[in-house]
Amino acid sequence: MNGNVVVAVVVVAVLVGLIFWALRFFNPVDRLRNQYLRNVRQPRPEAEQSLARHLARLQERYPGKSEVWYLRRVLADLERDRR
């Protein structure tokens, strides 16, 4: 009986871990931030500062939008500027 309880606890712990991983993996904000950091060729601290500046500028210019909207706009601007 104790063995079944241990197995059940381990299974529940694994399932909870998978759920948190899936939520983090499919979080669009994290995904878009990582995409930006991969696309700019700067050291990570500088890239994060650059992203923060871009986001602040867009938030002033277009108030009230979602963070996903701002991140998509930054990525679109980055892509446009590379052409």
PDB file of N, CA and C in Angstrom:
ATOM      1  N   MET A   1       0.815  -1.192   0.000  1.00  0.00           N
ATOM      2  CA  MET A   1       0.000   0.000   0.000  1.00  0.00           C
ATOM      3  C   MET A   1       0.859   1.257   0.000  1.00  0.00           C
ATOM      4  N   ASN A   2       1.924   1.320   0.778  1.00  0.00           N
ATOM      5  CA  ASN A   2       2.809   2.478   0.781  1.00  0.00           C
ATOM      6  C   ASN A   2       3.475   2.681  -0.570  1.00  0.00           C
ATOM      7  N   GLY A   3       3.779   1.610  -1.243  1.00  0.00           N
ATOM      8  CA  GLY A   3       4.382   1.693  -2.570  1.00  0.00           C
ATOM      9  C   GLY A   3       3.457   2.371  -3.556  1.00  0.00           C
ATOM     10  N   ASN A   4       2.162   2.079  -3.476  1.00  0.00           N
ATOM     11  CA  ASN A   4       1.186   2.715  -4.370  1.00  0.00           C
ATOM     12  C   ASN A   4       1.076   4.215  -4.105  1.00  0.00           C
ATOM     13  N   VAL A   5       1.157   4.590  -2.845  1.00  0.00           N
ATOM     14  CA  VAL A   5       1.079   6.003  -2.491  1.00  0.00           C
ATOM     15  C   VAL A   5       2.298   6.742  -3.038  1.00  0.00           C
ATOM     16  N   VAL A   6       3.461   6.157  -2.910  1.00  0.00           N
ATOM     17  CA  VAL A   6       4.681   6.778  -3.413  1.00  0.00           C
ATOM     18  C   VAL A   6       4.609   6.937  -4.928  1.00  0.00           C
ATOM     19  N   VAL A   7       4.159   5.911  -5.604  1.00  0.00           N
ATOM     20  CA  VAL A   7       4.028   5.981  -7.067  1.00  0.00           C
ATOM     21  C   VAL A   7       3.035   7.064  -7.458  1.00  0.00           C
ATOM     22  N   ALA A   8       1.913   7.146  -6.752  1.00  0.00           N
ATOM     23  CA  ALA A   8       0.901   8.160  -7.056  1.00  0.00           C
ATOM     24  C   ALA A   8       1.462   9.564  -6.850  1.00  0.00           C
ATOM     25  N   VAL A   9       2.214   9.760  -5.777  1.00  0.00           N
ATOM     26  CA  VAL A   9       2.799  11.073  -5.505  1.00  0.00           C
ATOM     27  C   VAL A   9       3.810  11.434  -6.586  1.00  0.00           C
ATOM     28  N   VAL A  10       4.615  10.485  -6.999  1.00  0.00           N
ATOM     29  CA  VAL A  10       5.612  10.744  -8.044  1.00  0.00           C
ATOM     30  C   VAL A  10       4.913  11.077  -9.361  1.00  0.00           C
ATOM     31  N   VAL A  11       3.875  10.344  -9.694  1.00  0.00           N
ATOM     32  CA  VAL A  11       3.143  10.597 -10.938  1.00  0.00           C
ATOM     33  C   VAL A  11       2.514  11.985 -10.909  1.00  0.00           C
ATOM     34  N   VAL A  12       1.917  12.351  -9.792  1.00  0.00           N
ATOM     35  CA  VAL A  12       1.306  13.681  -9.680  1.00  0.00           C
ATOM     36  C   VAL A  12       2.378  14.760  -9.791  1.00  0.00           C
ATOM     37  N   ALA A  13       3.518  14.562  -9.156  1.00  0.00           N
ATOM     38  CA  ALA A  13       4.602  15.542  -9.221  1.00  0.00           C
ATOM     39  C   ALA A  13       5.104  15.704 -10.655  1.00  0.00           C
ATOM     40  N   VAL A  14       5.242  14.607 -11.364  1.00  0.00           N
ATOM     41  CA  VAL A  14       5.693  14.667 -12.761  1.00  0.00           C
ATOM     42  C   VAL A  14       4.657  15.392 -13.612  1.00  0.00           C
ATOM     43  N   LEU A  15       3.383  15.102 -13.411  1.00  0.00           N
ATOM     44  CA  LEU A  15       2.330  15.760 -14.188  1.00  0.00           C
ATOM     45  C   LEU A  15       2.296  17.266 -13.912  1.00  0.00           C
ATOM     46  N   VAL A  16       2.430  17.648 -12.662  1.00  0.00           N
ATOM     47  CA  VAL A  16       2.452  19.077 -12.321  1.00  0.00           C
ATOM     48  C   VAL A  16       3.660  19.746 -12.971  1.00  0.00           C
ATOM     49  N   GLY A  17       4.799  19.088 -12.935  1.00  0.00           N
ATOM     50  CA  GLY A  17       5.988  19.627 -13.588  1.00  0.00           C
ATOM     51  C   GLY A  17       5.788  19.797 -15.081  1.00  0.00           C
ATOM     52  N   LEU A  18       5.169  18.820 -15.719  1.00  0.00           N
ATOM     53  CA  LEU A  18       4.905  18.917 -17.153  1.00  0.00           C
ATOM     54  C   LEU A  18       3.944  20.055 -17.479  1.00  0.00           C
ATOM     55  N   ILE A  19       2.956  20.238 -16.630  1.00  0.00           N
ATOM     56  CA  ILE A  19       2.000  21.325 -16.854  1.00  0.00           C
ATOM     57  C   ILE A  19       2.709  22.677 -16.761  1.00  0.00           C
ATOM     58  N   PHE A  20       3.534  22.862 -15.723  1.00  0.00           N
ATOM     59  CA  PHE A  20       4.266  24.122 -15.598  1.00  0.00           C
ATOM     60  C   PHE A  20       5.234  24.319 -16.757  1.00  0.00           C
ATOM     61  N   TRP A  21       5.886  23.268 -17.198  1.00  0.00           N
ATOM     62  CA  TRP A  21       6.795  23.374 -18.344  1.00  0.00           C
ATOM     63  C   TRP A  21       6.024  23.786 -19.590  1.00  0.00           C
ATOM     64  N   ALA A  22       4.857  23.144 -19.817  1.00  0.00           N
ATOM     65  CA  ALA A  22       4.059  23.458 -20.999  1.00  0.00           C
ATOM     66  C   ALA A  22       3.577  24.905 -20.962  1.00  0.00           C
ATOM     67  N   LEU A  23       3.164  25.366 -19.801  1.00  0.00           N
ATOM     68  CA  LEU A  23       2.710  26.751 -19.691  1.00  0.00           C
ATOM     69  C   LEU A  23       3.850  27.723 -19.980  1.00  0.00           C
ATOM     70  N   ARG A  24       5.021  27.404 -19.504  1.00  0.00           N
ATOM     71  CA  ARG A  24       6.186  28.271 -19.741  1.00  0.00           C
ATOM     72  C   ARG A  24       6.608  28.202 -21.209  1.00  0.00           C
ATOM     73  N   PHE A  25       6.587  27.011 -21.783  1.00  0.00           N
ATOM     74  CA  PHE A  25       7.018  26.817 -23.163  1.00  0.00           C
ATOM     75  C   PHE A  25       6.080  27.508 -24.139  1.00  0.00           C
ATOM     76  N   PHE A  26       4.789  27.471 -23.856  1.00  0.00           N
ATOM     77  CA  PHE A  26       3.813  28.030 -24.781  1.00  0.00           C
ATOM     78  C   PHE A  26       3.403  29.455 -24.427  1.00  0.00           C
ATOM     79  N   ASN A  27       4.083  30.055 -23.447  1.00  0.00           N
ATOM     80  CA  ASN A  27       3.801  31.433 -23.079  1.00  0.00           C
ATOM     81  C   ASN A  27       4.303  32.341 -24.206  1.00  0.00           C
ATOM     82  N   PRO A  28       3.412  33.075 -24.865  1.00  0.00           N
ATOM     83  CA  PRO A  28       3.843  33.865 -26.017  1.00  0.00           C
ATOM     84  C   PRO A  28       4.820  34.981 -25.658  1.00  0.00           C
ATOM     85  N   VAL A  29       4.710  35.556 -24.468  1.00  0.00           N
ATOM     86  CA  VAL A  29       5.622  36.637 -24.079  1.00  0.00           C
ATOM     87  C   VAL A  29       7.048  36.105 -23.991  1.00  0.00           C
ATOM     88  N   ASP A  30       7.226  34.982 -23.300  1.00  0.00           N
ATOM     89  CA  ASP A  30       8.569  34.403 -23.182  1.00  0.00           C
ATOM     90  C   ASP A  30       9.110  33.983 -24.540  1.00  0.00           C
ATOM     91  N   ARG A  31       8.243  33.399 -25.351  1.00  0.00           N
ATOM     92  CA  ARG A  31       8.666  32.939 -26.670  1.00  0.00           C
ATOM     93  C   ARG A  31       9.116  34.114 -27.536  1.00  0.00           C
ATOM     94  N   LEU A  32       8.359  35.212 -27.520  1.00  0.00           N
ATOM     95  CA  LEU A  32       8.708  36.372 -28.331  1.00  0.00           C
ATOM     96  C   LEU A  32       9.961  37.064 -27.807  1.00  0.00           C
ATOM     97  N   ARG A  33      10.096  37.143 -26.481  1.00  0.00           N
ATOM     98  CA  ARG A  33      11.314  37.741 -25.907  1.00  0.00           C
ATOM     99  C   ARG A  33      12.547  36.935 -26.320  1.00  0.00           C
ATOM    100  N   ASN A  34      12.446  35.612 -26.230  1.00  0.00           N
ATOM    101  CA  ASN A  34      13.568  34.756 -26.629  1.00  0.00           C
ATOM    102  C   ASN A  34      13.870  34.885 -28.112  1.00  0.00           C
ATOM    103  N   GLN A  35      12.830  35.038 -28.916  1.00  0.00           N
ATOM    104  CA  GLN A  35      13.033  35.215 -30.357  1.00  0.00           C
ATOM    105  C   GLN A  35      13.801  36.506 -30.621  1.00  0.00           C
ATOM    106  N   TYR A  36      13.451  37.566 -29.922  1.00  0.00           N
ATOM    107  CA  TYR A  36      14.187  38.829 -30.074  1.00  0.00           C
ATOM    108  C   TYR A  36      15.648  38.652 -29.665  1.00  0.00           C
ATOM    109  N   LEU A  37      15.863  38.026 -28.516  1.00  0.00           N
ATOM    110  CA  LEU A  37      17.224  37.861 -28.007  1.00  0.00           C
ATOM    111  C   LEU A  37      18.076  37.003 -28.938  1.00  0.00           C
ATOM    112  N   ARG A  38      17.455  36.056 -29.629  1.00  0.00           N
ATOM    113  CA  ARG A  38      18.186  35.240 -30.593  1.00  0.00           C
ATOM    114  C   ARG A  38      18.511  36.016 -31.858  1.00  0.00           C
ATOM    115  N   ASN A  39      17.631  36.949 -32.244  1.00  0.00           N
ATOM    116  CA  ASN A  39      17.788  37.640 -33.522  1.00  0.00           C
ATOM    117  C   ASN A  39      18.731  38.828 -33.479  1.00  0.00           C
ATOM    118  N   VAL A  40      18.911  39.416 -32.310  1.00  0.00           N
ATOM    119  CA  VAL A  40      19.868  40.524 -32.246  1.00  0.00           C
ATOM    120  C   VAL A  40      21.233  39.951 -31.913  1.00  0.00           C
ATOM    121  N   ARG A  41      22.217  40.519 -32.508  1.00  0.00           N
ATOM    122  CA  ARG A  41      23.571  40.005 -32.294  1.00  0.00           C
ATOM    123  C   ARG A  41      24.300  40.883 -31.296  1.00  0.00           C
ATOM    124  N   GLN A  42      23.860  40.750 -30.053  1.00  0.00           N
ATOM    125  CA  GLN A  42      24.446  41.491 -28.946  1.00  0.00           C
ATOM    126  C   GLN A  42      24.576  40.546 -27.765  1.00  0.00           C
ATOM    127  N   PRO A  43      25.455  40.857 -26.848  1.00  0.00           N
ATOM    128  CA  PRO A  43      25.476  40.084 -25.603  1.00  0.00           C
ATOM    129  C   PRO A  43      24.120  40.205 -24.903  1.00  0.00           C
ATOM    130  N   ARG A  44      23.748  39.184 -24.178  1.00  0.00           N
ATOM    131  CA  ARG A  44      22.408  39.137 -23.601  1.00  0.00           C
ATOM    132  C   ARG A  44      22.043  40.381 -22.770  1.00  0.00           C
ATOM    133  N   PRO A  45      22.922  40.866 -21.884  1.00  0.00           N
ATOM    134  CA  PRO A  45      22.524  42.055 -21.108  1.00  0.00           C
ATOM    135  C   PRO A  45      22.220  43.268 -21.993  1.00  0.00           C
ATOM    136  N   GLU A  46      23.036  43.467 -23.025  1.00  0.00           N
ATOM    137  CA  GLU A  46      22.798  44.578 -23.940  1.00  0.00           C
ATOM    138  C   GLU A  46      21.523  44.373 -24.742  1.00  0.00           C
ATOM    139  N   ALA A  47      21.265  43.143 -25.145  1.00  0.00           N
ATOM    140  CA  ALA A  47      20.044  42.843 -25.899  1.00  0.00           C
ATOM    141  C   ALA A  47      18.805  43.079 -25.034  1.00  0.00           C
ATOM    142  N   GLU A  48      18.879  42.713 -23.757  1.00  0.00           N
ATOM    143  CA  GLU A  48      17.741  42.934 -22.859  1.00  0.00           C
ATOM    144  C   GLU A  48      17.497  44.428 -22.648  1.00  0.00           C
ATOM    145  N   GLN A  49      18.567  45.215 -22.533  1.00  0.00           N
ATOM    146  CA  GLN A  49      18.416  46.671 -22.397  1.00  0.00           C
ATOM    147  C   GLN A  49      17.825  47.266 -23.668  1.00  0.00           C
ATOM    148  N   SER A  50      18.285  46.792 -24.803  1.00  0.00           N
ATOM    149  CA  SER A  50      17.767  47.266 -26.084  1.00  0.00           C
ATOM    150  C   SER A  50      16.275  46.957 -26.209  1.00  0.00           C
ATOM    151  N   LEU A  51      15.890  45.754 -25.839  1.00  0.00           N
ATOM    152  CA  LEU A  51      14.479  45.372 -25.891  1.00  0.00           C
ATOM    153  C   LEU A  51      13.659  46.240 -24.951  1.00  0.00           C
ATOM    154  N   ALA A  52      14.170  46.498 -23.764  1.00  0.00           N
ATOM    155  CA  ALA A  52      13.448  47.349 -22.813  1.00  0.00           C
ATOM    156  C   ALA A  52      13.237  48.755 -23.375  1.00  0.00           C
ATOM    157  N   ARG A  53      14.254  49.292 -24.044  1.00  0.00           N
ATOM    158  CA  ARG A  53      14.120  50.616 -24.659  1.00  0.00           C
ATOM    159  C   ARG A  53      13.071  50.613 -25.766  1.00  0.00           C
ATOM    160  N   HIS A  54      13.116  49.589 -26.610  1.00  0.00           N
ATOM    161  CA  HIS A  54      12.120  49.478 -27.685  1.00  0.00           C
ATOM    162  C   HIS A  54      10.710  49.382 -27.109  1.00  0.00           C
ATOM    163  N   LEU A  55      10.539  48.546 -26.093  1.00  0.00           N
ATOM    164  CA  LEU A  55       9.214  48.378 -25.497  1.00  0.00           C
ATOM    165  C   LEU A  55       8.721  49.673 -24.860  1.00  0.00           C
ATOM    166  N   ALA A  56       9.617  50.385 -24.167  1.00  0.00           N
ATOM    167  CA  ALA A  56       9.222  51.645 -23.532  1.00  0.00           C
ATOM    168  C   ALA A  56       8.794  52.672 -24.576  1.00  0.00           C
ATOM    169  N   ARG A  57       9.551  52.741 -25.665  1.00  0.00           N
ATOM    170  CA  ARG A  57       9.211  53.687 -26.732  1.00  0.00           C
ATOM    171  C   ARG A  57       7.845  53.367 -27.338  1.00  0.00           C
ATOM    172  N   LEU A  58       7.600  52.094 -27.593  1.00  0.00           N
ATOM    173  CA  LEU A  58       6.319  51.703 -28.177  1.00  0.00           C
ATOM    174  C   LEU A  58       5.166  51.914 -27.195  1.00  0.00           C
ATOM    175  N   GLN A  59       5.408  51.671 -25.916  1.00  0.00           N
ATOM    176  CA  GLN A  59       4.353  51.865 -24.921  1.00  0.00           C
ATOM    177  C   GLN A  59       3.973  53.342 -24.799  1.00  0.00           C
ATOM    178  N   GLU A  60       4.933  54.229 -24.995  1.00  0.00           N
ATOM    179  CA  GLU A  60       4.623  55.661 -24.996  1.00  0.00           C
ATOM    180  C   GLU A  60       3.844  56.045 -26.248  1.00  0.00           C
ATOM    181  N   ARG A  61       4.248  55.472 -27.359  1.00  0.00           N
ATOM    182  CA  ARG A  61       3.623  55.843 -28.633  1.00  0.00           C
ATOM    183  C   ARG A  61       2.248  55.200 -28.811  1.00  0.00           C
ATOM    184  N   TYR A  62       2.094  53.951 -28.343  1.00  0.00           N
ATOM    185  CA  TYR A  62       0.838  53.218 -28.486  1.00  0.00           C
ATOM    186  C   TYR A  62       0.402  52.704 -27.114  1.00  0.00           C
ATOM    187  N   PRO A  63      -0.133  53.547 -26.267  1.00  0.00           N
ATOM    188  CA  PRO A  63      -0.503  53.095 -24.917  1.00  0.00           C
ATOM    189  C   PRO A  63      -1.695  52.142 -24.949  1.00  0.00           C
ATOM    190  N   GLY A  64      -1.718  51.246 -23.965  1.00  0.00           N
ATOM    191  CA  GLY A  64      -2.870  50.368 -23.780  1.00  0.00           C
ATOM    192  C   GLY A  64      -2.841  49.060 -24.539  1.00  0.00           C
ATOM    193  N   LYS A  65      -1.787  48.787 -25.273  1.00  0.00           N
ATOM    194  CA  LYS A  65      -1.694  47.521 -26.005  1.00  0.00           C
ATOM    195  C   LYS A  65      -1.149  46.436 -25.084  1.00  0.00           C
ATOM    196  N   SER A  66      -1.284  45.202 -25.503  1.00  0.00           N
ATOM    197  CA  SER A  66      -0.770  44.084 -24.707  1.00  0.00           C
ATOM    198  C   SER A  66       0.728  43.934 -24.918  1.00  0.00           C
ATOM    199  N   GLU A  67       1.379  43.257 -23.996  1.00  0.00           N
ATOM    200  CA  GLU A  67       2.827  43.046 -24.109  1.00  0.00           C
ATOM    201  C   GLU A  67       3.155  42.228 -25.347  1.00  0.00           C
ATOM    202  N   VAL A  68       2.286  41.292 -25.697  1.00  0.00           N
ATOM    203  CA  VAL A  68       2.490  40.489 -26.900  1.00  0.00           C
ATOM    204  C   VAL A  68       2.460  41.389 -28.131  1.00  0.00           C
ATOM    205  N   TRP A  69       1.543  42.354 -28.158  1.00  0.00           N
ATOM    206  CA  TRP A  69       1.461  43.268 -29.300  1.00  0.00           C
ATOM    207  C   TRP A  69       2.763  44.044 -29.442  1.00  0.00           C
ATOM    208  N   TYR A  70       3.255  44.586 -28.314  1.00  0.00           N
ATOM    209  CA  TYR A  70       4.504  45.347 -28.367  1.00  0.00           C
ATOM    210  C   TYR A  70       5.666  44.485 -28.843  1.00  0.00           C
ATOM    211  N   LEU A  71       5.766  43.270 -28.339  1.00  0.00           N
ATOM    212  CA  LEU A  71       6.866  42.391 -28.735  1.00  0.00           C
ATOM    213  C   LEU A  71       6.787  42.038 -30.211  1.00  0.00           C
ATOM    214  N   ARG A  72       5.584  41.770 -30.695  1.00  0.00           N
ATOM    215  CA  ARG A  72       5.433  41.475 -32.129  1.00  0.00           C
ATOM    216  C   ARG A  72       5.820  42.682 -32.968  1.00  0.00           C
ATOM    217  N   ARG A  73       5.487  43.863 -32.490  1.00  0.00           N
ATOM    218  CA  ARG A  73       5.839  45.090 -33.217  1.00  0.00           C
ATOM    219  C   ARG A  73       7.361  45.279 -33.250  1.00  0.00           C
ATOM    220  N   VAL A  74       8.020  45.032 -32.129  1.00  0.00           N
ATOM    221  CA  VAL A  74       9.484  45.144 -32.080  1.00  0.00           C
ATOM    222  C   VAL A  74      10.111  44.170 -33.060  1.00  0.00           C
ATOM    223  N   LEU A  75       9.620  42.929 -33.080  1.00  0.00           N
ATOM    224  CA  LEU A  75      10.169  41.932 -34.002  1.00  0.00           C
ATOM    225  C   LEU A  75       9.906  42.307 -35.457  1.00  0.00           C
ATOM    226  N   ALA A  76       8.735  42.850 -35.733  1.00  0.00           N
ATOM    227  CA  ALA A  76       8.424  43.286 -37.100  1.00  0.00           C
ATOM    228  C   ALA A  76       9.334  44.440 -37.504  1.00  0.00           C
ATOM    229  N   ASP A  77       9.562  45.373 -36.591  1.00  0.00           N
ATOM    230  CA  ASP A  77      10.461  46.488 -36.890  1.00  0.00           C
ATOM    231  C   ASP A  77      11.889  45.994 -37.129  1.00  0.00           C
ATOM    232  N   LEU A  78      12.317  45.057 -36.330  1.00  0.00           N
ATOM    233  CA  LEU A  78      13.658  44.488 -36.491  1.00  0.00           C
ATOM    234  C   LEU A  78      13.801  43.817 -37.858  1.00  0.00           C
ATOM    235  N   GLU A  79      12.793  43.047 -38.226  1.00  0.00           N
ATOM    236  CA  GLU A  79      12.802  42.376 -39.527  1.00  0.00           C
ATOM    237  C   GLU A  79      12.794  43.391 -40.671  1.00  0.00           C
ATOM    238  N   ARG A  80      11.967  44.421 -40.540  1.00  0.00           N
ATOM    239  CA  ARG A  80      11.895  45.456 -41.567  1.00  0.00           C
ATOM    240  C   ARG A  80      13.234  46.172 -41.723  1.00  0.00           C
ATOM    241  N   ASP A  81      13.881  46.476 -40.619  1.00  0.00           N
ATOM    242  CA  ASP A  81      15.145  47.195 -40.671  1.00  0.00           C
ATOM    243  C   ASP A  81      16.276  46.365 -41.270  1.00  0.00           C
ATOM    244  N   ARG A  82      16.131  45.062 -41.271  1.00  0.00           N
ATOM    245  CA  ARG A  82      17.177  44.197 -41.828  1.00  0.00           C
ATOM    246  C   ARG A  82      17.086  44.080 -43.347  1.00  0.00           C
ATOM    247  N   ARG A  83      15.979  44.481 -43.925  1.00  0.00           N
ATOM    248  CA  ARG A  83      15.818  44.371 -45.377  1.00  0.00           C
ATOM    249  C   ARG A  83      16.568  45.415 -46.112  1.00  0.00           C
TER     250      ARG A  83
END
